[in-house]
Amino acid sequence: MKAYMLAFVRVNDLETFNKEYIEKAVPIVERHGGITVAVDENPDLIEGNIPSGRVVIVEFPTKAAAEGFYNDPEYQPIKAWRQKVSQSDSIILEKGF
């Protein structure tokens, strides 16, 4: 069953973030079967409340693949750098009922 990683990311220096994080993280995402579905700097709120920040949705073939990306040993130093220069709210969810 497909799974999705949903993140709301707040970054102070987007140019550096894109170069230092995105360029290094995306190959690891792809190695785990991940595909970026959507990225939006200013999503339109239609109801309720959401965290602020860039919204990122990444599709993985399974929940295990999404967790595999997040826990990948090669990703850990990249994740640690991201956590120093940004704040995020993130979840993994599965598609379907």
Protein backbone atom coordinates (compact mmCIF):
# COMPACT_ATOMS: atom_id res chain seq x y z
CA MET A 1 0.00 0.00 0.00
CA LYS A 2 1.38 3.41 -0.94
CA ALA A 3 2.46 5.76 1.82
CA TYR A 4 3.01 9.50 1.91
CA MET A 5 5.39 11.65 3.88
CA LEU A 6 3.85 15.06 4.56
CA ALA A 7 6.04 17.84 5.94
CA PHE A 8 5.58 21.51 6.77
CA VAL A 9 9.08 23.01 6.70
CA ARG A 10 10.14 26.45 7.90
CA VAL A 11 13.54 27.59 6.60
CA ASN A 12 15.37 30.88 7.09
CA ASP A 13 17.74 30.61 4.10
CA LEU A 14 15.88 28.77 1.35
CA GLU A 15 18.67 29.03 -1.24
CA THR A 16 21.22 27.37 1.04
CA PHE A 17 18.64 24.84 2.21
CA ASN A 18 17.84 23.83 -1.37
CA LYS A 19 21.51 23.42 -2.24
CA GLU A 20 22.73 21.74 0.94
CA TYR A 21 19.69 19.63 1.81
CA ILE A 22 17.57 19.00 -1.27
CA GLU A 23 20.51 18.05 -3.50
CA LYS A 24 21.71 15.51 -0.93
CA ALA A 25 18.38 14.17 0.34
CA VAL A 26 16.56 13.61 -2.96
CA PRO A 27 18.87 10.80 -4.18
CA ILE A 28 18.25 8.95 -0.89
CA VAL A 29 14.49 9.51 -1.20
CA GLU A 30 14.63 8.10 -4.73
CA ARG A 31 16.70 5.10 -3.63
CA HIS A 32 13.79 4.19 -1.32
CA GLY A 33 11.28 4.55 -4.16
CA GLY A 34 10.14 8.03 -3.15
CA ILE A 35 8.67 10.49 -5.64
CA THR A 36 7.96 14.13 -4.82
CA VAL A 37 4.26 14.68 -5.48
CA ALA A 38 3.93 18.33 -4.46
CA VAL A 39 5.88 21.24 -3.01
CA ASP A 40 4.17 24.54 -2.22
CA GLU A 41 5.65 27.56 -0.49
CA ASN A 42 2.25 29.15 0.21
CA PRO A 43 -0.58 26.58 0.20
CA ASP A 44 -4.14 27.90 0.18
CA LEU A 45 -5.83 27.15 3.49
CA ILE A 46 -9.46 26.23 2.84
CA GLU A 47 -10.47 25.14 6.33
CA GLY A 48 -9.08 24.84 9.86
CA ASN A 49 -5.45 25.33 10.83
CA ILE A 50 -2.21 23.94 9.45
CA PRO A 51 1.40 24.44 10.49
CA SER A 52 3.20 27.22 8.67
CA GLY A 53 5.90 26.60 6.11
CA ARG A 54 6.64 24.96 2.80
CA VAL A 55 4.44 21.92 2.28
CA VAL A 56 6.14 18.84 0.85
CA ILE A 57 4.39 15.59 -0.10
CA VAL A 58 6.50 12.57 -1.05
CA GLU A 59 4.96 9.28 -2.20
CA PHE A 60 6.63 5.98 -1.32
CA PRO A 61 5.66 2.49 -2.47
CA THR A 62 5.07 1.38 1.15
CA LYS A 63 5.16 2.72 4.69
CA ALA A 64 8.26 0.60 5.28
CA ALA A 65 9.98 2.36 2.35
CA ALA A 66 9.12 5.79 3.82
CA GLU A 67 10.45 4.74 7.21
CA GLY A 68 13.49 3.25 5.50
CA PHE A 69 14.28 6.62 3.96
CA TYR A 70 13.82 8.50 7.24
CA ASN A 71 16.01 6.02 9.14
CA ASP A 72 18.61 5.46 6.39
CA PRO A 73 22.11 5.74 7.92
CA GLU A 74 23.26 7.90 5.00
CA TYR A 75 20.37 10.30 5.65
CA GLN A 76 21.10 10.81 9.36
CA PRO A 77 23.82 13.51 9.02
CA ILE A 78 21.73 15.27 6.37
CA LYS A 79 18.70 15.17 8.65
CA ALA A 80 20.77 16.49 11.57
CA TRP A 81 21.92 19.45 9.42
CA ARG A 82 18.30 20.10 8.35
CA GLN A 83 17.16 20.12 11.96
CA LYS A 84 19.78 22.77 12.79
CA VAL A 85 18.70 25.19 10.04
CA SER A 86 14.96 24.57 9.89
CA GLN A 87 11.94 23.43 11.85
CA SER A 88 9.38 20.98 10.54
CA ASP A 89 6.23 19.09 11.35
CA SER A 90 6.16 15.75 9.53
CA ILE A 91 4.05 12.59 9.33
CA ILE A 92 3.87 9.35 7.35
CA LEU A 93 0.43 8.16 6.30
CA GLU A 94 -0.89 5.30 4.22
CA LYS A 95 -3.31 5.62 1.33
CA GLY A 96 -6.68 3.94 1.40
CA PHE A 97 -9.09 2.54 3.92
